[in-house]
Amino acid sequence: MRLFKRRHYIKLPAHAELKRRRDQVPTDLWQQCPICQQTSYTKELGPLKVCPHCQYGFRLTAWARLKQLTTNFTAWDQDLATSDPLKFPGYQTKIVRAQTATQLNDSVLTGRAKFGKLACALGIMDSYFMMGSMGTITGEKITRLFERATQARLPVILFTASGGARMQEGIHSLMQMTKVSQAVATHSAAGLLYVVVLTDPTTGGVTASFAMQGDIILAEPHALVGFAGRRVIEQTINEQLPADFQRAEQVLQAGFIDRIVPRAKLKATLQQLLQLHTNGGGHLSKTIKNLPTKLS
């Protein structure tokens, strides 16, 4: 007769088995919002990738953004490739890596799109391609976007997401600001509509040029919008900046943004603006005149 009952202890799997199980756990089960710092189950972000607590829109690839907007799209200038003008060490390797990751030839996707029956020239910058930096091909693609839109008398919608000029291309990168700005001016002189949607982040030379030249400037909630970085400014003026500095809400108050539009309403808002442009006979002055005080 046993005086004590045998206890059944939990048997731990071997170290190799534990490692195998850990490797099978997805790394993206949880996402922490950079704005409100709340951690959310990835599925809670939904297909739009929006924080359920503060409505911040997580960064998207250009193709993911396009999927949220329209299925009627014809890409332009996918065959362009950078010539690496400065022969910068390691640059070509970074370009190939970025091209593989984003399925783009450079940091912007351009083409002709339709929102319902309404056609436009559409550009979407991709922050996953070297932080959306503006190189010679980026500038060339956006310039051609406006030139083709002017020829075909199409409105332009451009989603910006960029860290600014691409240092590996030096002055060649900075010259894109002038080139694109000239194409924007020609498009505007033709009386055509240009709508900018500022997404997180829009900074540097992109902000200093075509991102702020739109007839209507929209932004996603909490998007970072600015020129110089926070640390540079703080070190220059020797003061600490407020927490909401360079966020879309603060930039809106300063008068640089016309409206902040949640990601879920962007498609409908853009479609409404295109419809107003069409109703105005495709001329900018009539479109602005007919703008309602509140967009849906």
C-alpha atoms as a PDB file:
ATOM      1  CA  MET A   1       0.000   0.000   0.000  1.00  0.00           C
ATOM      2  CA  ARG A   2       1.318   3.436  -1.010  1.00  0.00           C
ATOM      3  CA  LEU A   3       1.468   6.068   1.677  1.00  0.00           C
ATOM      4  CA  PHE A   4       1.687   8.893  -0.838  1.00  0.00           C
ATOM      5  CA  LYS A   5       0.019   9.384  -4.181  1.00  0.00           C
ATOM      6  CA  ARG A   6       2.260   9.798  -7.156  1.00  0.00           C
ATOM      7  CA  ARG A   7       2.143  13.355  -8.446  1.00  0.00           C
ATOM      8  CA  HIS A   8       1.869  14.075 -12.135  1.00  0.00           C
ATOM      9  CA  TYR A   9       4.323  16.823 -12.984  1.00  0.00           C
ATOM     10  CA  ILE A  10       4.191  18.870 -16.158  1.00  0.00           C
ATOM     11  CA  LYS A  11       6.817  17.694 -18.572  1.00  0.00           C
ATOM     12  CA  LEU A  12       8.547  20.545 -20.346  1.00  0.00           C
ATOM     13  CA  PRO A  13       9.449  20.012 -23.978  1.00  0.00           C
ATOM     14  CA  ALA A  14      13.081  19.919 -24.987  1.00  0.00           C
ATOM     15  CA  HIS A  15      14.900  23.170 -25.775  1.00  0.00           C
ATOM     16  CA  ALA A  16      14.864  22.420 -29.504  1.00  0.00           C
ATOM     17  CA  GLU A  17      11.103  21.894 -29.418  1.00  0.00           C
ATOM     18  CA  LEU A  18      10.575  25.168 -27.533  1.00  0.00           C
ATOM     19  CA  LYS A  19      12.641  27.019 -30.121  1.00  0.00           C
ATOM     20  CA  ARG A  20      10.659  25.435 -32.949  1.00  0.00           C
ATOM     21  CA  ARG A  21       7.386  26.566 -31.352  1.00  0.00           C
ATOM     22  CA  ARG A  22       8.677  30.084 -30.771  1.00  0.00           C
ATOM     23  CA  ASP A  23       9.750  30.355 -34.403  1.00  0.00           C
ATOM     24  CA  GLN A  24       6.196  29.497 -35.481  1.00  0.00           C
ATOM     25  CA  VAL A  25       4.683  32.433 -33.538  1.00  0.00           C
ATOM     26  CA  PRO A  26       4.093  35.403 -35.925  1.00  0.00           C
ATOM     27  CA  THR A  27       6.151  38.488 -35.111  1.00  0.00           C
ATOM     28  CA  ASP A  28       3.360  40.915 -36.028  1.00  0.00           C
ATOM     29  CA  LEU A  29       0.599  39.740 -33.689  1.00  0.00           C
ATOM     30  CA  TRP A  30       0.676  43.062 -31.823  1.00  0.00           C
ATOM     31  CA  GLN A  31       1.253  46.656 -32.933  1.00  0.00           C
ATOM     32  CA  GLN A  32       2.109  49.621 -30.727  1.00  0.00           C
ATOM     33  CA  CYS A  33       0.774  52.981 -31.879  1.00  0.00           C
ATOM     34  CA  PRO A  34       3.578  55.594 -32.073  1.00  0.00           C
ATOM     35  CA  ILE A  35       1.099  58.340 -31.144  1.00  0.00           C
ATOM     36  CA  CYS A  36      -0.965  57.082 -28.180  1.00  0.00           C
ATOM     37  CA  GLN A  37       1.450  54.247 -27.265  1.00  0.00           C
ATOM     38  CA  GLN A  38      -1.468  51.815 -26.946  1.00  0.00           C
ATOM     39  CA  THR A  39      -0.803  48.210 -27.975  1.00  0.00           C
ATOM     40  CA  SER A  40      -3.421  46.612 -30.198  1.00  0.00           C
ATOM     41  CA  TYR A  41      -3.961  43.142 -31.568  1.00  0.00           C
ATOM     42  CA  THR A  42      -3.025  43.456 -35.250  1.00  0.00           C
ATOM     43  CA  LYS A  43      -6.449  42.274 -36.398  1.00  0.00           C
ATOM     44  CA  GLU A  44      -8.009  45.160 -34.451  1.00  0.00           C
ATOM     45  CA  LEU A  45      -6.350  47.605 -36.861  1.00  0.00           C
ATOM     46  CA  GLY A  46      -8.600  46.294 -39.612  1.00  0.00           C
ATOM     47  CA  PRO A  47      -7.847  46.330 -43.335  1.00  0.00           C
ATOM     48  CA  LEU A  48      -7.158  50.082 -43.248  1.00  0.00           C
ATOM     49  CA  LYS A  49      -4.416  49.671 -40.591  1.00  0.00           C
ATOM     50  CA  VAL A  50      -5.795  52.353 -38.268  1.00  0.00           C
ATOM     51  CA  CYS A  51      -5.222  52.568 -34.501  1.00  0.00           C
ATOM     52  CA  PRO A  52      -8.597  51.904 -32.792  1.00  0.00           C
ATOM     53  CA  HIS A  53      -7.662  54.245 -29.919  1.00  0.00           C
ATOM     54  CA  CYS A  54      -6.541  57.463 -31.671  1.00  0.00           C
ATOM     55  CA  GLN A  55      -7.241  56.903 -35.407  1.00  0.00           C
ATOM     56  CA  TYR A  56      -3.569  57.162 -36.392  1.00  0.00           C
ATOM     57  CA  GLY A  57      -3.034  55.518 -39.767  1.00  0.00           C
ATOM     58  CA  PHE A  58      -0.080  53.132 -39.760  1.00  0.00           C
ATOM     59  CA  ARG A  59       2.302  53.467 -42.690  1.00  0.00           C
ATOM     60  CA  LEU A  60       1.312  51.634 -45.871  1.00  0.00           C
ATOM     61  CA  THR A  61       3.132  50.514 -48.986  1.00  0.00           C
ATOM     62  CA  ALA A  62       2.062  52.250 -52.192  1.00  0.00           C
ATOM     63  CA  TRP A  63       0.352  49.101 -53.482  1.00  0.00           C
ATOM     64  CA  ALA A  64      -1.561  48.636 -50.204  1.00  0.00           C
ATOM     65  CA  ARG A  65      -2.682  52.270 -50.365  1.00  0.00           C
ATOM     66  CA  LEU A  66      -3.792  51.847 -53.970  1.00  0.00           C
ATOM     67  CA  LYS A  67      -5.849  48.785 -53.038  1.00  0.00           C
ATOM     68  CA  GLN A  68      -7.779  50.890 -50.511  1.00  0.00           C
ATOM     69  CA  LEU A  69      -8.585  53.539 -53.126  1.00  0.00           C
ATOM     70  CA  THR A  70      -9.350  51.866 -56.449  1.00  0.00           C
ATOM     71  CA  THR A  71      -8.946  48.746 -58.562  1.00  0.00           C
ATOM     72  CA  ASN A  72      -8.990  50.697 -61.824  1.00  0.00           C
ATOM     73  CA  PHE A  73      -5.369  51.757 -62.258  1.00  0.00           C
ATOM     74  CA  THR A  74      -2.789  51.790 -65.044  1.00  0.00           C
ATOM     75  CA  ALA A  75       0.798  52.328 -63.880  1.00  0.00           C
ATOM     76  CA  TRP A  76       3.137  54.728 -65.687  1.00  0.00           C
ATOM     77  CA  ASP A  77       6.937  54.854 -66.053  1.00  0.00           C
ATOM     78  CA  GLN A  78       7.757  51.591 -64.313  1.00  0.00           C
ATOM     79  CA  ASP A  79      10.784  51.110 -66.552  1.00  0.00           C
ATOM     80  CA  LEU A  80      12.728  54.144 -65.291  1.00  0.00           C
ATOM     81  CA  ALA A  81      15.866  53.359 -63.279  1.00  0.00           C
ATOM     82  CA  THR A  82      18.359  55.515 -61.404  1.00  0.00           C
ATOM     83  CA  SER A  83      21.791  55.955 -62.944  1.00  0.00           C
ATOM     84  CA  ASP A  84      23.454  56.466 -59.522  1.00  0.00           C
ATOM     85  CA  PRO A  85      24.859  59.871 -60.588  1.00  0.00           C
ATOM     86  CA  LEU A  86      27.369  60.176 -57.722  1.00  0.00           C
ATOM     87  CA  LYS A  87      28.437  56.497 -57.718  1.00  0.00           C
ATOM     88  CA  PHE A  88      27.635  56.506 -54.027  1.00  0.00           C
ATOM     89  CA  PRO A  89      29.081  53.443 -52.173  1.00  0.00           C
ATOM     90  CA  GLY A  90      26.424  50.809 -51.467  1.00  0.00           C
ATOM     91  CA  TYR A  91      23.644  52.814 -53.108  1.00  0.00           C
ATOM     92  CA  GLN A  92      22.813  50.298 -55.831  1.00  0.00           C
ATOM     93  CA  THR A  93      22.529  47.539 -53.214  1.00  0.00           C
ATOM     94  CA  LYS A  94      20.047  49.615 -51.218  1.00  0.00           C
ATOM     95  CA  ILE A  95      18.047  50.387 -54.358  1.00  0.00           C
ATOM     96  CA  VAL A  96      17.761  46.706 -55.300  1.00  0.00           C
ATOM     97  CA  ARG A  97      16.750  45.822 -51.732  1.00  0.00           C
ATOM     98  CA  ALA A  98      14.064  48.521 -51.730  1.00  0.00           C
ATOM     99  CA  GLN A  99      12.787  47.499 -55.159  1.00  0.00           C
ATOM    100  CA  THR A 100      12.448  43.905 -54.007  1.00  0.00           C
ATOM    101  CA  ALA A 101      10.629  44.905 -50.816  1.00  0.00           C
ATOM    102  CA  THR A 102       8.148  47.319 -52.448  1.00  0.00           C
ATOM    103  CA  GLN A 103       7.825  46.037 -56.035  1.00  0.00           C
ATOM    104  CA  LEU A 104       8.472  49.592 -57.239  1.00  0.00           C
ATOM    105  CA  ASN A 105      11.249  51.009 -59.426  1.00  0.00           C
ATOM    106  CA  ASP A 106      11.560  54.005 -57.095  1.00  0.00           C
ATOM    107  CA  SER A 107       9.827  55.684 -54.161  1.00  0.00           C
ATOM    108  CA  VAL A 108       6.631  56.698 -55.945  1.00  0.00           C
ATOM    109  CA  LEU A 109       3.914  54.827 -57.822  1.00  0.00           C
ATOM    110  CA  THR A 110       2.266  56.865 -60.590  1.00  0.00           C
ATOM    111  CA  GLY A 111      -0.457  56.221 -63.114  1.00  0.00           C
ATOM    112  CA  ARG A 112      -3.982  56.866 -64.334  1.00  0.00           C
ATOM    113  CA  ALA A 113      -6.748  55.889 -61.931  1.00  0.00           C
ATOM    114  CA  LYS A 114     -10.517  55.962 -61.782  1.00  0.00           C
ATOM    115  CA  PHE A 115     -12.657  56.628 -58.721  1.00  0.00           C
ATOM    116  CA  GLY A 116     -15.926  55.205 -59.982  1.00  0.00           C
ATOM    117  CA  LYS A 117     -16.306  56.889 -63.378  1.00  0.00           C
ATOM    118  CA  LEU A 118     -14.041  59.817 -62.479  1.00  0.00           C
ATOM    119  CA  ALA A 119     -10.521  59.693 -63.943  1.00  0.00           C
ATOM    120  CA  CYS A 120      -7.424  61.307 -62.459  1.00  0.00           C
ATOM    121  CA  ALA A 121      -3.634  61.096 -62.463  1.00  0.00           C
ATOM    122  CA  LEU A 122      -2.644  59.407 -59.202  1.00  0.00           C
ATOM    123  CA  GLY A 123       0.691  59.379 -57.401  1.00  0.00           C
ATOM    124  CA  ILE A 124       1.456  57.485 -54.182  1.00  0.00           C
ATOM    125  CA  MET A 125       4.805  57.842 -52.422  1.00  0.00           C
ATOM    126  CA  ASP A 126       6.081  54.816 -50.494  1.00  0.00           C
ATOM    127  CA  SER A 127       7.905  55.317 -47.175  1.00  0.00           C
ATOM    128  CA  TYR A 128       9.138  51.706 -47.341  1.00  0.00           C
ATOM    129  CA  PHE A 129      11.342  52.641 -50.319  1.00  0.00           C
ATOM    130  CA  MET A 130      14.294  54.300 -48.583  1.00  0.00           C
ATOM    131  CA  MET A 131      11.829  56.307 -46.428  1.00  0.00           C
ATOM    132  CA  GLY A 132      10.190  57.703 -49.553  1.00  0.00           C
ATOM    133  CA  SER A 133      13.279  59.809 -50.225  1.00  0.00           C
ATOM    134  CA  MET A 134      13.220  61.970 -53.338  1.00  0.00           C
ATOM    135  CA  GLY A 135      15.733  60.845 -55.927  1.00  0.00           C
ATOM    136  CA  THR A 136      16.034  61.760 -59.619  1.00  0.00           C
ATOM    137  CA  ILE A 137      13.624  59.002 -60.677  1.00  0.00           C
ATOM    138  CA  THR A 138      11.101  60.050 -58.023  1.00  0.00           C
ATOM    139  CA  GLY A 139      11.205  63.597 -59.370  1.00  0.00           C
ATOM    140  CA  GLU A 140      11.045  62.428 -62.980  1.00  0.00           C
ATOM    141  CA  LYS A 141       8.010  60.212 -62.355  1.00  0.00           C
ATOM    142  CA  ILE A 142       6.101  62.954 -60.534  1.00  0.00           C
ATOM    143  CA  THR A 143       7.028  65.501 -63.223  1.00  0.00           C
ATOM    144  CA  ARG A 144       5.745  63.167 -65.931  1.00  0.00           C
ATOM    145  CA  LEU A 145       2.609  62.566 -63.865  1.00  0.00           C
ATOM    146  CA  PHE A 146       1.774  66.293 -64.008  1.00  0.00           C
ATOM    147  CA  GLU A 147       2.802  66.665 -67.649  1.00  0.00           C
ATOM    148  CA  ARG A 148       0.556  63.806 -68.760  1.00  0.00           C
ATOM    149  CA  ALA A 149      -2.266  65.109 -66.562  1.00  0.00           C
ATOM    150  CA  THR A 150      -1.942  68.549 -68.193  1.00  0.00           C
ATOM    151  CA  GLN A 151      -1.995  67.025 -71.663  1.00  0.00           C
ATOM    152  CA  ALA A 152      -5.038  64.871 -70.913  1.00  0.00           C
ATOM    153  CA  ARG A 153      -6.672  67.600 -68.778  1.00  0.00           C
ATOM    154  CA  LEU A 154      -6.814  65.359 -65.720  1.00  0.00           C
ATOM    155  CA  PRO A 155      -6.828  66.390 -62.061  1.00  0.00           C
ATOM    156  CA  VAL A 156      -3.899  65.125 -59.972  1.00  0.00           C
ATOM    157  CA  ILE A 157      -4.122  63.397 -56.591  1.00  0.00           C
ATOM    158  CA  LEU A 158      -0.781  62.873 -54.859  1.00  0.00           C
ATOM    159  CA  PHE A 159      -0.199  61.022 -51.583  1.00  0.00           C
ATOM    160  CA  THR A 160       3.059  62.230 -50.040  1.00  0.00           C
ATOM    161  CA  ALA A 161       5.237  60.202 -47.667  1.00  0.00           C
ATOM    162  CA  SER A 162       8.898  61.125 -47.554  1.00  0.00           C
ATOM    163  CA  GLY A 163      11.907  61.858 -45.412  1.00  0.00           C
ATOM    164  CA  GLY A 164      13.039  64.466 -47.960  1.00  0.00           C
ATOM    165  CA  ALA A 165      15.874  64.586 -50.477  1.00  0.00           C
ATOM    166  CA  ARG A 166      17.932  61.445 -51.086  1.00  0.00           C
ATOM    167  CA  MET A 167      21.451  62.091 -49.837  1.00  0.00           C
ATOM    168  CA  GLN A 168      22.980  59.452 -52.133  1.00  0.00           C
ATOM    169  CA  GLU A 169      22.097  61.659 -55.112  1.00  0.00           C
ATOM    170  CA  GLY A 170      23.151  65.007 -53.617  1.00  0.00           C
ATOM    171  CA  ILE A 171      22.342  68.113 -55.665  1.00  0.00           C
ATOM    172  CA  HIS A 172      20.628  65.963 -58.327  1.00  0.00           C
ATOM    173  CA  SER A 173      17.997  65.125 -55.728  1.00  0.00           C
ATOM    174  CA  LEU A 174      17.485  68.767 -54.690  1.00  0.00           C
ATOM    175  CA  MET A 175      16.968  69.811 -58.318  1.00  0.00           C
ATOM    176  CA  GLN A 176      13.822  67.663 -58.411  1.00  0.00           C
ATOM    177  CA  MET A 177      12.071  70.252 -56.220  1.00  0.00           C
ATOM    178  CA  THR A 178      12.373  72.853 -58.993  1.00  0.00           C
ATOM    179  CA  LYS A 179      11.529  70.435 -61.789  1.00  0.00           C
ATOM    180  CA  VAL A 180       8.362  69.131 -60.144  1.00  0.00           C
ATOM    181  CA  SER A 181       7.310  72.629 -59.053  1.00  0.00           C
ATOM    182  CA  GLN A 182       7.489  73.817 -62.667  1.00  0.00           C
ATOM    183  CA  ALA A 183       5.286  70.932 -63.806  1.00  0.00           C
ATOM    184  CA  VAL A 184       2.819  71.717 -60.989  1.00  0.00           C
ATOM    185  CA  ALA A 185       2.717  75.391 -62.071  1.00  0.00           C
ATOM    186  CA  THR A 186       2.003  74.434 -65.699  1.00  0.00           C
ATOM    187  CA  HIS A 187      -0.781  72.090 -64.574  1.00  0.00           C
ATOM    188  CA  SER A 188      -2.263  74.849 -62.397  1.00  0.00           C
ATOM    189  CA  ALA A 189      -2.038  77.425 -65.215  1.00  0.00           C
ATOM    190  CA  ALA A 190      -4.187  75.081 -67.298  1.00  0.00           C
ATOM    191  CA  GLY A 191      -6.909  75.458 -64.641  1.00  0.00           C
ATOM    192  CA  LEU A 192      -6.657  71.868 -63.413  1.00  0.00           C
ATOM    193  CA  LEU A 193      -7.145  70.566 -59.872  1.00  0.00           C
ATOM    194  CA  TYR A 194      -4.261  69.292 -57.710  1.00  0.00           C
ATOM    195  CA  VAL A 195      -5.125  67.574 -54.421  1.00  0.00           C
ATOM    196  CA  VAL A 196      -2.385  66.613 -51.954  1.00  0.00           C
ATOM    197  CA  VAL A 197      -2.886  64.056 -49.181  1.00  0.00           C
ATOM    198  CA  LEU A 198      -0.165  64.355 -46.535  1.00  0.00           C
ATOM    199  CA  THR A 199       0.596  61.036 -44.858  1.00  0.00           C
ATOM    200  CA  ASP A 200       3.060  60.060 -42.151  1.00  0.00           C
ATOM    201  CA  PRO A 201       5.800  61.250 -42.603  1.00  0.00           C
ATOM    202  CA  THR A 202       5.961  64.180 -45.046  1.00  0.00           C
ATOM    203  CA  THR A 203       9.145  66.144 -44.404  1.00  0.00           C
ATOM    204  CA  GLY A 204      12.200  67.840 -45.914  1.00  0.00           C
ATOM    205  CA  GLY A 205      12.358  68.912 -49.544  1.00  0.00           C
ATOM    206  CA  VAL A 206       9.029  67.275 -50.374  1.00  0.00           C
ATOM    207  CA  THR A 207       7.274  69.507 -47.830  1.00  0.00           C
ATOM    208  CA  ALA A 208       9.270  72.493 -49.099  1.00  0.00           C
ATOM    209  CA  SER A 209       7.968  71.971 -52.642  1.00  0.00           C
ATOM    210  CA  PHE A 210       5.136  69.992 -54.216  1.00  0.00           C
ATOM    211  CA  ALA A 211       3.554  68.733 -50.967  1.00  0.00           C
ATOM    212  CA  MET A 212       2.519  72.302 -50.133  1.00  0.00           C
ATOM    213  CA  GLN A 213       1.589  73.411 -53.656  1.00  0.00           C
ATOM    214  CA  GLY A 214      -1.775  71.663 -53.868  1.00  0.00           C
ATOM    215  CA  ASP A 215      -5.004  73.562 -54.484  1.00  0.00           C
ATOM    216  CA  ILE A 216      -6.515  71.475 -51.693  1.00  0.00           C
ATOM    217  CA  ILE A 217      -4.273  69.973 -49.009  1.00  0.00           C
ATOM    218  CA  LEU A 218      -5.646  67.107 -46.954  1.00  0.00           C
ATOM    219  CA  ALA A 219      -3.876  65.086 -44.264  1.00  0.00           C
ATOM    220  CA  GLU A 220      -4.370  61.899 -42.304  1.00  0.00           C
ATOM    221  CA  PRO A 221      -4.793  62.180 -38.516  1.00  0.00           C
ATOM    222  CA  HIS A 222      -1.531  62.638 -36.570  1.00  0.00           C
ATOM    223  CA  ALA A 223       0.631  62.580 -39.726  1.00  0.00           C
ATOM    224  CA  LEU A 224       4.098  64.087 -39.234  1.00  0.00           C
ATOM    225  CA  VAL A 225       4.365  67.177 -41.458  1.00  0.00           C
ATOM    226  CA  GLY A 226       7.379  69.454 -41.367  1.00  0.00           C
ATOM    227  CA  PHE A 227      10.680  70.499 -42.888  1.00  0.00           C
ATOM    228  CA  ALA A 228      13.553  70.187 -40.398  1.00  0.00           C
ATOM    229  CA  GLY A 229      13.445  67.505 -37.712  1.00  0.00           C
ATOM    230  CA  ARG A 230      12.412  68.123 -34.109  1.00  0.00           C
ATOM    231  CA  ARG A 231      15.910  67.557 -32.683  1.00  0.00           C
ATOM    232  CA  VAL A 232      17.529  69.966 -35.150  1.00  0.00           C
ATOM    233  CA  ILE A 233      15.039  72.711 -34.292  1.00  0.00           C
ATOM    234  CA  GLU A 234      15.326  72.139 -30.527  1.00  0.00           C
ATOM    235  CA  GLN A 235      19.108  72.326 -30.706  1.00  0.00           C
ATOM    236  CA  THR A 236      18.933  75.477 -32.838  1.00  0.00           C
ATOM    237  CA  ILE A 237      16.516  77.451 -30.650  1.00  0.00           C
ATOM    238  CA  ASN A 238      17.600  75.771 -27.384  1.00  0.00           C
ATOM    239  CA  GLU A 239      14.005  75.103 -26.361  1.00  0.00           C
ATOM    240  CA  GLN A 240      11.834  72.017 -25.941  1.00  0.00           C
ATOM    241  CA  LEU A 241       9.027  71.791 -28.466  1.00  0.00           C
ATOM    242  CA  PRO A 242       5.440  70.729 -27.589  1.00  0.00           C
ATOM    243  CA  ALA A 243       4.438  67.083 -27.995  1.00  0.00           C
ATOM    244  CA  ASP A 244       2.121  67.802 -30.941  1.00  0.00           C
ATOM    245  CA  PHE A 245       4.736  69.827 -32.833  1.00  0.00           C
ATOM    246  CA  GLN A 246       4.653  69.066 -36.600  1.00  0.00           C
ATOM    247  CA  ARG A 247       1.631  66.808 -36.243  1.00  0.00           C
ATOM    248  CA  ALA A 248      -1.182  67.347 -38.755  1.00  0.00           C
ATOM    249  CA  GLU A 249      -3.531  68.789 -36.118  1.00  0.00           C
ATOM    250  CA  GLN A 250      -1.038  71.501 -35.164  1.00  0.00           C
ATOM    251  CA  VAL A 251      -0.189  72.219 -38.815  1.00  0.00           C
ATOM    252  CA  LEU A 252      -3.929  72.538 -39.532  1.00  0.00           C
ATOM    253  CA  GLN A 253      -4.227  75.190 -36.815  1.00  0.00           C
ATOM    254  CA  ALA A 254      -1.316  77.065 -38.404  1.00  0.00           C
ATOM    255  CA  GLY A 255      -3.268  77.202 -41.678  1.00  0.00           C
ATOM    256  CA  PHE A 256      -1.091  74.957 -43.859  1.00  0.00           C
ATOM    257  CA  ILE A 257      -3.672  72.158 -44.159  1.00  0.00           C
ATOM    258  CA  ASP A 258      -7.267  72.506 -45.362  1.00  0.00           C
ATOM    259  CA  ARG A 259      -8.718  69.431 -43.698  1.00  0.00           C
ATOM    260  CA  ILE A 260      -7.741  66.311 -41.746  1.00  0.00           C
ATOM    261  CA  VAL A 261      -9.576  63.304 -43.155  1.00  0.00           C
ATOM    262  CA  PRO A 262      -9.672  59.893 -41.415  1.00  0.00           C
ATOM    263  CA  ARG A 263      -8.420  57.094 -43.628  1.00  0.00           C
ATOM    264  CA  ALA A 264     -11.869  55.458 -43.756  1.00  0.00           C
ATOM    265  CA  LYS A 265     -13.313  58.613 -45.383  1.00  0.00           C
ATOM    266  CA  LEU A 266     -10.458  59.421 -47.772  1.00  0.00           C
ATOM    267  CA  LYS A 267     -11.800  57.566 -50.794  1.00  0.00           C
ATOM    268  CA  ALA A 268     -15.263  59.182 -50.518  1.00  0.00           C
ATOM    269  CA  THR A 269     -13.765  62.644 -49.945  1.00  0.00           C
ATOM    270  CA  LEU A 270     -11.472  62.387 -52.978  1.00  0.00           C
ATOM    271  CA  GLN A 271     -14.309  61.112 -55.116  1.00  0.00           C
ATOM    272  CA  GLN A 272     -16.433  64.071 -54.029  1.00  0.00           C
ATOM    273  CA  LEU A 273     -13.668  66.538 -54.923  1.00  0.00           C
ATOM    274  CA  LEU A 274     -13.240  64.927 -58.346  1.00  0.00           C
ATOM    275  CA  GLN A 275     -16.986  65.133 -58.915  1.00  0.00           C
ATOM    276  CA  LEU A 276     -16.994  68.834 -58.013  1.00  0.00           C
ATOM    277  CA  HIS A 277     -14.132  69.372 -60.474  1.00  0.00           C
ATOM    278  CA  THR A 278     -16.083  67.557 -63.193  1.00  0.00           C
ATOM    279  CA  ASN A 279     -19.224  69.548 -62.415  1.00  0.00           C
ATOM    280  CA  GLY A 280     -17.154  72.731 -62.736  1.00  0.00           C
ATOM    281  CA  GLY A 281     -16.308  71.802 -66.303  1.00  0.00           C
ATOM    282  CA  GLY A 282     -12.847  70.585 -65.334  1.00  0.00           C
ATOM    283  CA  HIS A 283     -11.704  74.084 -64.396  1.00  0.00           C
ATOM    284  CA  LEU A 284     -10.116  74.850 -61.032  1.00  0.00           C
ATOM    285  CA  SER A 285     -11.730  78.248 -60.394  1.00  0.00           C
ATOM    286  CA  LYS A 286     -15.224  76.797 -60.704  1.00  0.00           C
ATOM    287  CA  THR A 287     -14.279  73.804 -58.550  1.00  0.00           C
ATOM    288  CA  ILE A 288     -13.051  76.022 -55.685  1.00  0.00           C
ATOM    289  CA  LYS A 289     -16.108  78.272 -56.035  1.00  0.00           C
ATOM    290  CA  ASN A 290     -18.454  75.281 -55.691  1.00  0.00           C
ATOM    291  CA  LEU A 291     -16.714  73.716 -52.706  1.00  0.00           C
ATOM    292  CA  PRO A 292     -19.178  73.018 -49.867  1.00  0.00           C
ATOM    293  CA  THR A 293     -18.346  74.180 -46.348  1.00  0.00           C
ATOM    294  CA  LYS A 294     -18.347  70.540 -45.253  1.00  0.00           C
ATOM    295  CA  LEU A 295     -17.205  67.516 -47.234  1.00  0.00           C
ATOM    296  CA  SER A 296     -18.744  64.129 -46.536  1.00  0.00           C
END
